[in-house]
């Protein structure tokens, strides 16, 4: 059974804007985007700090790790362990299939400095891209990987703007397993801050929700090295 989605991902602009305001606590940020080709991670001095602590909405709460604030669906479980924050959808007991990971100092703490050196590679979807993560094999790890390819993303130049005005590299991969399964992985990476928002293996029913979660991230209080 495949963990990847071949269906389009509808977006609700109003919902996305409301979630961004929830986390940022203010209207807009200093992205430095003035019509020129955007670059990842605008300078920190141009970012407008949140004026007030954000308030929760009916569907989302604000969660935090290491000064990174981000919107989490209220019916999802939140774990903090091993230096990362994990949002688990209903019915998932592990930080794996369907989950969203928020990883501060991602490359600094990874033995392979992932994703700093790999995010543009066909096999850059994981630090160790060798195990199948489809729904049928996510827990058992009983299948290997046959190949992977980067998918086109909706964002111009492959960049996503977050609630604080910073822009990250947005990458998506479709991975083929040696048992015939496929699955999808998503990554948003801020290279200077070394922050990753990572969907370990996409659950198609949350395809649009992942984008809203990632876009809501605010790093104003994050301590950068």
C-alpha atoms as a PDB file:
ATOM      1  CA  UNK A   1       0.000   0.000   0.000  1.00  0.00           C
ATOM      2  CA  UNK A   2       1.376   3.375  -1.005  1.00  0.00           C
ATOM      3  CA  UNK A   3       1.927   6.299   1.325  1.00  0.00           C
ATOM      4  CA  UNK A   4       2.169   8.831  -1.499  1.00  0.00           C
ATOM      5  CA  UNK A   5      -0.472  11.098  -2.941  1.00  0.00           C
ATOM      6  CA  UNK A   6      -1.178  11.525  -6.621  1.00  0.00           C
ATOM      7  CA  UNK A   7      -4.088  13.856  -6.010  1.00  0.00           C
ATOM      8  CA  UNK A   8      -4.007  17.673  -6.202  1.00  0.00           C
ATOM      9  CA  UNK A   9      -3.591  19.628  -2.981  1.00  0.00           C
ATOM     10  CA  UNK A  10      -6.319  22.286  -2.666  1.00  0.00           C
ATOM     11  CA  UNK A  11      -5.383  25.339  -0.609  1.00  0.00           C
ATOM     12  CA  UNK A  12      -7.644  27.642   1.366  1.00  0.00           C
ATOM     13  CA  UNK A  13      -6.021  31.072   1.328  1.00  0.00           C
ATOM     14  CA  UNK A  14      -8.028  32.417   4.253  1.00  0.00           C
ATOM     15  CA  UNK A  15      -7.175  29.424   6.451  1.00  0.00           C
ATOM     16  CA  UNK A  16      -3.490  29.698   5.629  1.00  0.00           C
ATOM     17  CA  UNK A  17      -3.421  33.419   6.380  1.00  0.00           C
ATOM     18  CA  UNK A  18      -5.236  32.946   9.681  1.00  0.00           C
ATOM     19  CA  UNK A  19      -2.758  30.279  10.789  1.00  0.00           C
ATOM     20  CA  UNK A  20       0.200  32.481   9.884  1.00  0.00           C
ATOM     21  CA  UNK A  21      -1.225  35.316  11.974  1.00  0.00           C
ATOM     22  CA  UNK A  22      -1.871  32.898  14.827  1.00  0.00           C
ATOM     23  CA  UNK A  23       1.810  32.068  15.110  1.00  0.00           C
ATOM     24  CA  UNK A  24       3.362  35.414  14.161  1.00  0.00           C
ATOM     25  CA  UNK A  25       1.107  37.552  16.325  1.00  0.00           C
ATOM     26  CA  UNK A  26       1.380  40.337  13.781  1.00  0.00           C
ATOM     27  CA  UNK A  27       0.377  41.102  10.214  1.00  0.00           C
ATOM     28  CA  UNK A  28       3.176  40.262   7.864  1.00  0.00           C
ATOM     29  CA  UNK A  29       6.945  40.048   8.142  1.00  0.00           C
ATOM     30  CA  UNK A  30       9.981  41.585   6.547  1.00  0.00           C
ATOM     31  CA  UNK A  31      10.753  39.112   3.817  1.00  0.00           C
ATOM     32  CA  UNK A  32      12.762  41.511   1.681  1.00  0.00           C
ATOM     33  CA  UNK A  33      10.833  40.235  -1.365  1.00  0.00           C
ATOM     34  CA  UNK A  34      10.350  43.251  -3.624  1.00  0.00           C
ATOM     35  CA  UNK A  35       9.863  41.703  -7.019  1.00  0.00           C
ATOM     36  CA  UNK A  36      13.386  40.393  -7.500  1.00  0.00           C
ATOM     37  CA  UNK A  37      14.000  36.663  -7.445  1.00  0.00           C
ATOM     38  CA  UNK A  38      13.597  35.664  -3.801  1.00  0.00           C
ATOM     39  CA  UNK A  39      16.433  34.086  -1.904  1.00  0.00           C
ATOM     40  CA  UNK A  40      16.147  31.609   0.971  1.00  0.00           C
ATOM     41  CA  UNK A  41      16.334  33.022   4.461  1.00  0.00           C
ATOM     42  CA  UNK A  42      16.179  36.820   4.377  1.00  0.00           C
ATOM     43  CA  UNK A  43      18.409  38.720   6.791  1.00  0.00           C
ATOM     44  CA  UNK A  44      17.260  38.474  10.358  1.00  0.00           C
ATOM     45  CA  UNK A  45      17.261  42.243  10.908  1.00  0.00           C
ATOM     46  CA  UNK A  46      14.438  42.640   8.406  1.00  0.00           C
ATOM     47  CA  UNK A  47      12.114  40.330  10.325  1.00  0.00           C
ATOM     48  CA  UNK A  48       9.398  42.009  12.410  1.00  0.00           C
ATOM     49  CA  UNK A  49       9.196  40.441  15.861  1.00  0.00           C
ATOM     50  CA  UNK A  50       5.830  39.299  17.185  1.00  0.00           C
ATOM     51  CA  UNK A  51       4.196  42.029  19.243  1.00  0.00           C
ATOM     52  CA  UNK A  52       1.979  39.760  21.306  1.00  0.00           C
ATOM     53  CA  UNK A  53       2.080  36.061  22.234  1.00  0.00           C
ATOM     54  CA  UNK A  54      -0.192  34.270  19.737  1.00  0.00           C
ATOM     55  CA  UNK A  55      -3.615  33.009  20.746  1.00  0.00           C
ATOM     56  CA  UNK A  56      -4.985  29.614  19.735  1.00  0.00           C
ATOM     57  CA  UNK A  57      -7.702  29.191  17.114  1.00  0.00           C
ATOM     58  CA  UNK A  58     -10.487  26.621  16.995  1.00  0.00           C
ATOM     59  CA  UNK A  59      -8.399  24.239  14.875  1.00  0.00           C
ATOM     60  CA  UNK A  60      -4.792  24.996  15.807  1.00  0.00           C
ATOM     61  CA  UNK A  61      -2.683  25.552  18.887  1.00  0.00           C
ATOM     62  CA  UNK A  62       0.809  27.046  19.009  1.00  0.00           C
ATOM     63  CA  UNK A  63       3.635  24.709  19.987  1.00  0.00           C
ATOM     64  CA  UNK A  64       7.277  25.612  20.548  1.00  0.00           C
ATOM     65  CA  UNK A  65      10.730  24.104  20.557  1.00  0.00           C
ATOM     66  CA  UNK A  66      13.944  26.046  21.007  1.00  0.00           C
ATOM     67  CA  UNK A  67      12.248  29.359  20.295  1.00  0.00           C
ATOM     68  CA  UNK A  68      10.562  28.066  17.130  1.00  0.00           C
ATOM     69  CA  UNK A  69       6.786  28.529  17.228  1.00  0.00           C
ATOM     70  CA  UNK A  70       4.518  26.703  14.815  1.00  0.00           C
ATOM     71  CA  UNK A  71       0.825  25.856  14.465  1.00  0.00           C
ATOM     72  CA  UNK A  72      -0.234  22.319  15.351  1.00  0.00           C
ATOM     73  CA  UNK A  73      -3.650  20.779  14.650  1.00  0.00           C
ATOM     74  CA  UNK A  74      -5.454  20.516  17.977  1.00  0.00           C
ATOM     75  CA  UNK A  75      -6.399  16.869  17.562  1.00  0.00           C
ATOM     76  CA  UNK A  76      -2.788  15.833  16.911  1.00  0.00           C
ATOM     77  CA  UNK A  77      -0.410  14.586  19.609  1.00  0.00           C
ATOM     78  CA  UNK A  78       2.753  16.554  20.389  1.00  0.00           C
ATOM     79  CA  UNK A  79       6.029  14.975  21.532  1.00  0.00           C
ATOM     80  CA  UNK A  80       9.432  16.483  22.262  1.00  0.00           C
ATOM     81  CA  UNK A  81      12.381  14.105  22.296  1.00  0.00           C
ATOM     82  CA  UNK A  82      15.886  13.775  20.882  1.00  0.00           C
ATOM     83  CA  UNK A  83      16.054  17.481  20.105  1.00  0.00           C
ATOM     84  CA  UNK A  84      12.997  17.646  17.875  1.00  0.00           C
ATOM     85  CA  UNK A  85       9.293  18.342  18.124  1.00  0.00           C
ATOM     86  CA  UNK A  86       6.917  15.812  16.600  1.00  0.00           C
ATOM     87  CA  UNK A  87       3.273  16.306  15.623  1.00  0.00           C
ATOM     88  CA  UNK A  88       1.494  12.961  15.258  1.00  0.00           C
ATOM     89  CA  UNK A  89      -1.882  12.675  13.509  1.00  0.00           C
ATOM     90  CA  UNK A  90      -4.702  10.711  15.145  1.00  0.00           C
ATOM     91  CA  UNK A  91      -4.062   6.978  15.214  1.00  0.00           C
ATOM     92  CA  UNK A  92      -0.281   7.210  14.887  1.00  0.00           C
ATOM     93  CA  UNK A  93       1.717   6.170  17.940  1.00  0.00           C
ATOM     94  CA  UNK A  94       5.190   6.776  16.487  1.00  0.00           C
ATOM     95  CA  UNK A  95       6.862   9.832  14.994  1.00  0.00           C
ATOM     96  CA  UNK A  96       6.841   8.284  11.552  1.00  0.00           C
ATOM     97  CA  UNK A  97       4.124   7.846   8.947  1.00  0.00           C
ATOM     98  CA  UNK A  98       2.000  10.994   8.582  1.00  0.00           C
ATOM     99  CA  UNK A  99       3.913  12.924  11.253  1.00  0.00           C
ATOM    100  CA  UNK A 100       5.541  16.370  11.047  1.00  0.00           C
ATOM    101  CA  UNK A 101       8.943  16.887  12.647  1.00  0.00           C
ATOM    102  CA  UNK A 102      10.330  20.327  13.564  1.00  0.00           C
ATOM    103  CA  UNK A 103      14.113  20.041  13.911  1.00  0.00           C
ATOM    104  CA  UNK A 104      16.276  22.879  15.276  1.00  0.00           C
ATOM    105  CA  UNK A 105      19.996  22.754  14.399  1.00  0.00           C
ATOM    106  CA  UNK A 106      19.147  19.943  12.016  1.00  0.00           C
ATOM    107  CA  UNK A 107      22.398  19.574  10.056  1.00  0.00           C
ATOM    108  CA  UNK A 108      24.563  20.440  13.064  1.00  0.00           C
ATOM    109  CA  UNK A 109      23.178  17.470  14.981  1.00  0.00           C
ATOM    110  CA  UNK A 110      23.029  15.010  12.082  1.00  0.00           C
ATOM    111  CA  UNK A 111      25.981  12.636  11.517  1.00  0.00           C
ATOM    112  CA  UNK A 112      25.740  13.275   7.768  1.00  0.00           C
ATOM    113  CA  UNK A 113      25.033  17.035   8.112  1.00  0.00           C
ATOM    114  CA  UNK A 114      21.650  16.383   6.515  1.00  0.00           C
ATOM    115  CA  UNK A 115      19.858  18.234   5.010  1.00  0.00           C
ATOM    116  CA  UNK A 116      22.361  21.068   4.452  1.00  0.00           C
ATOM    117  CA  UNK A 117      24.352  19.228   1.781  1.00  0.00           C
ATOM    118  CA  UNK A 118      21.636  16.975   0.372  1.00  0.00           C
ATOM    119  CA  UNK A 119      18.358  18.907   0.056  1.00  0.00           C
ATOM    120  CA  UNK A 120      18.773  19.395  -3.708  1.00  0.00           C
ATOM    121  CA  UNK A 121      19.691  15.772  -4.444  1.00  0.00           C
ATOM    122  CA  UNK A 122      17.347  13.068  -5.741  1.00  0.00           C
ATOM    123  CA  UNK A 123      18.203  10.979  -2.662  1.00  0.00           C
ATOM    124  CA  UNK A 124      18.285  13.970  -0.310  1.00  0.00           C
ATOM    125  CA  UNK A 125      14.980  13.022   1.312  1.00  0.00           C
ATOM    126  CA  UNK A 126      16.713  11.490   4.359  1.00  0.00           C
ATOM    127  CA  UNK A 127      20.058  11.353   6.121  1.00  0.00           C
ATOM    128  CA  UNK A 128      20.074   7.613   5.400  1.00  0.00           C
ATOM    129  CA  UNK A 129      17.842   7.112   2.336  1.00  0.00           C
ATOM    130  CA  UNK A 130      17.849   3.328   2.385  1.00  0.00           C
ATOM    131  CA  UNK A 131      14.598   2.193   4.050  1.00  0.00           C
ATOM    132  CA  UNK A 132      11.070   2.166   2.639  1.00  0.00           C
ATOM    133  CA  UNK A 133       8.562   4.305   4.570  1.00  0.00           C
ATOM    134  CA  UNK A 134       5.286   3.426   2.840  1.00  0.00           C
ATOM    135  CA  UNK A 135       2.249   2.833   5.036  1.00  0.00           C
ATOM    136  CA  UNK A 136       2.701  -0.916   4.862  1.00  0.00           C
ATOM    137  CA  UNK A 137       6.384  -0.863   5.803  1.00  0.00           C
ATOM    138  CA  UNK A 138       6.835   2.311   7.904  1.00  0.00           C
ATOM    139  CA  UNK A 139       6.958   0.458  11.221  1.00  0.00           C
ATOM    140  CA  UNK A 140       8.574  -2.781  10.114  1.00  0.00           C
ATOM    141  CA  UNK A 141      11.209  -1.271   7.868  1.00  0.00           C
ATOM    142  CA  UNK A 142      11.120  -4.506   5.956  1.00  0.00           C
ATOM    143  CA  UNK A 143      11.775  -3.127   2.479  1.00  0.00           C
ATOM    144  CA  UNK A 144      14.567  -1.202   0.818  1.00  0.00           C
ATOM    145  CA  UNK A 145      14.541   1.691  -1.629  1.00  0.00           C
ATOM    146  CA  UNK A 146      14.772   1.291  -5.395  1.00  0.00           C
ATOM    147  CA  UNK A 147      15.041   4.987  -6.307  1.00  0.00           C
ATOM    148  CA  UNK A 148      13.710   8.503  -5.750  1.00  0.00           C
ATOM    149  CA  UNK A 149      12.966  11.663  -7.688  1.00  0.00           C
ATOM    150  CA  UNK A 150      12.266  15.252  -6.743  1.00  0.00           C
ATOM    151  CA  UNK A 151       8.755  16.485  -7.447  1.00  0.00           C
ATOM    152  CA  UNK A 152       7.733  19.902  -8.708  1.00  0.00           C
ATOM    153  CA  UNK A 153       6.432  22.192  -5.960  1.00  0.00           C
ATOM    154  CA  UNK A 154       3.882  24.993  -6.200  1.00  0.00           C
ATOM    155  CA  UNK A 155       6.147  27.670  -4.715  1.00  0.00           C
ATOM    156  CA  UNK A 156       8.086  30.015  -7.029  1.00  0.00           C
ATOM    157  CA  UNK A 157      11.773  29.084  -7.194  1.00  0.00           C
ATOM    158  CA  UNK A 158      11.040  26.254  -4.730  1.00  0.00           C
ATOM    159  CA  UNK A 159      10.803  28.672  -1.792  1.00  0.00           C
ATOM    160  CA  UNK A 160       8.144  28.930   0.932  1.00  0.00           C
ATOM    161  CA  UNK A 161       7.584  32.100   2.938  1.00  0.00           C
ATOM    162  CA  UNK A 162       6.879  31.553   6.628  1.00  0.00           C
ATOM    163  CA  UNK A 163       4.968  33.614   9.177  1.00  0.00           C
ATOM    164  CA  UNK A 164       8.107  35.536  10.192  1.00  0.00           C
ATOM    165  CA  UNK A 165       8.904  36.542   6.604  1.00  0.00           C
ATOM    166  CA  UNK A 166      11.828  34.159   6.160  1.00  0.00           C
ATOM    167  CA  UNK A 167      11.865  31.855   3.146  1.00  0.00           C
ATOM    168  CA  UNK A 168      12.916  28.227   3.169  1.00  0.00           C
ATOM    169  CA  UNK A 169      13.887  25.711   0.528  1.00  0.00           C
ATOM    170  CA  UNK A 170      10.791  23.567  -0.084  1.00  0.00           C
ATOM    171  CA  UNK A 171      11.481  20.121  -1.496  1.00  0.00           C
ATOM    172  CA  UNK A 172       9.323  17.062  -2.146  1.00  0.00           C
ATOM    173  CA  UNK A 173      10.334  13.592  -3.222  1.00  0.00           C
ATOM    174  CA  UNK A 174       8.569  10.484  -4.455  1.00  0.00           C
ATOM    175  CA  UNK A 175      10.433   7.396  -3.341  1.00  0.00           C
ATOM    176  CA  UNK A 176      10.045   3.916  -4.864  1.00  0.00           C
ATOM    177  CA  UNK A 177      10.555   0.840  -2.699  1.00  0.00           C
ATOM    178  CA  UNK A 178      11.957  -2.477  -3.835  1.00  0.00           C
ATOM    179  CA  UNK A 179       8.632  -4.145  -2.959  1.00  0.00           C
ATOM    180  CA  UNK A 180       6.705  -1.918  -5.409  1.00  0.00           C
ATOM    181  CA  UNK A 181       5.381   0.567  -2.836  1.00  0.00           C
ATOM    182  CA  UNK A 182       5.901   4.310  -3.131  1.00  0.00           C
ATOM    183  CA  UNK A 183       5.784   7.134  -0.607  1.00  0.00           C
ATOM    184  CA  UNK A 184       6.287  10.897  -0.506  1.00  0.00           C
ATOM    185  CA  UNK A 185       8.571  12.981   1.706  1.00  0.00           C
ATOM    186  CA  UNK A 186       8.463  16.760   2.232  1.00  0.00           C
ATOM    187  CA  UNK A 187      11.074  19.150   3.599  1.00  0.00           C
ATOM    188  CA  UNK A 188      11.232  22.866   4.366  1.00  0.00           C
ATOM    189  CA  UNK A 189      14.792  23.920   5.217  1.00  0.00           C
ATOM    190  CA  UNK A 190      16.149  27.259   6.446  1.00  0.00           C
ATOM    191  CA  UNK A 191      19.874  26.958   5.669  1.00  0.00           C
ATOM    192  CA  UNK A 192      21.268  29.820   7.765  1.00  0.00           C
ATOM    193  CA  UNK A 193      19.105  29.003  10.788  1.00  0.00           C
ATOM    194  CA  UNK A 194      19.593  25.257  10.218  1.00  0.00           C
ATOM    195  CA  UNK A 195      15.910  24.510  10.881  1.00  0.00           C
ATOM    196  CA  UNK A 196      13.985  21.734   9.138  1.00  0.00           C
ATOM    197  CA  UNK A 197      10.255  21.077   8.997  1.00  0.00           C
ATOM    198  CA  UNK A 198      10.026  17.514   7.809  1.00  0.00           C
ATOM    199  CA  UNK A 199       7.202  15.199   6.814  1.00  0.00           C
ATOM    200  CA  UNK A 200       8.784  11.785   7.294  1.00  0.00           C
ATOM    201  CA  UNK A 201       6.223  10.011   5.096  1.00  0.00           C
ATOM    202  CA  UNK A 202       3.174  11.820   3.730  1.00  0.00           C
ATOM    203  CA  UNK A 203      -0.339  10.713   4.628  1.00  0.00           C
ATOM    204  CA  UNK A 204      -2.295  11.926   1.594  1.00  0.00           C
ATOM    205  CA  UNK A 205      -5.334  13.016   3.617  1.00  0.00           C
ATOM    206  CA  UNK A 206      -3.195  15.730   5.246  1.00  0.00           C
ATOM    207  CA  UNK A 207      -1.499  16.886   2.026  1.00  0.00           C
ATOM    208  CA  UNK A 208      -2.731  20.499   2.172  1.00  0.00           C
ATOM    209  CA  UNK A 209      -2.483  20.666   5.964  1.00  0.00           C
ATOM    210  CA  UNK A 210       1.267  20.029   5.876  1.00  0.00           C
ATOM    211  CA  UNK A 211       1.751  23.185   3.828  1.00  0.00           C
ATOM    212  CA  UNK A 212      -0.296  25.260   6.275  1.00  0.00           C
ATOM    213  CA  UNK A 213       1.687  23.945   9.235  1.00  0.00           C
ATOM    214  CA  UNK A 214       5.039  24.721   7.594  1.00  0.00           C
ATOM    215  CA  UNK A 215       3.990  28.202   6.485  1.00  0.00           C
ATOM    216  CA  UNK A 216       2.917  29.085  10.032  1.00  0.00           C
ATOM    217  CA  UNK A 217       6.433  28.727  11.464  1.00  0.00           C
ATOM    218  CA  UNK A 218       7.851  31.744  13.324  1.00  0.00           C
ATOM    219  CA  UNK A 219      11.536  31.753  14.311  1.00  0.00           C
ATOM    220  CA  UNK A 220      11.814  35.232  15.885  1.00  0.00           C
ATOM    221  CA  UNK A 221      12.799  33.780  19.280  1.00  0.00           C
ATOM    222  CA  UNK A 222      15.074  31.052  17.935  1.00  0.00           C
ATOM    223  CA  UNK A 223      18.707  31.211  19.049  1.00  0.00           C
ATOM    224  CA  UNK A 224      20.848  30.983  15.948  1.00  0.00           C
ATOM    225  CA  UNK A 225      24.456  29.849  16.188  1.00  0.00           C
END
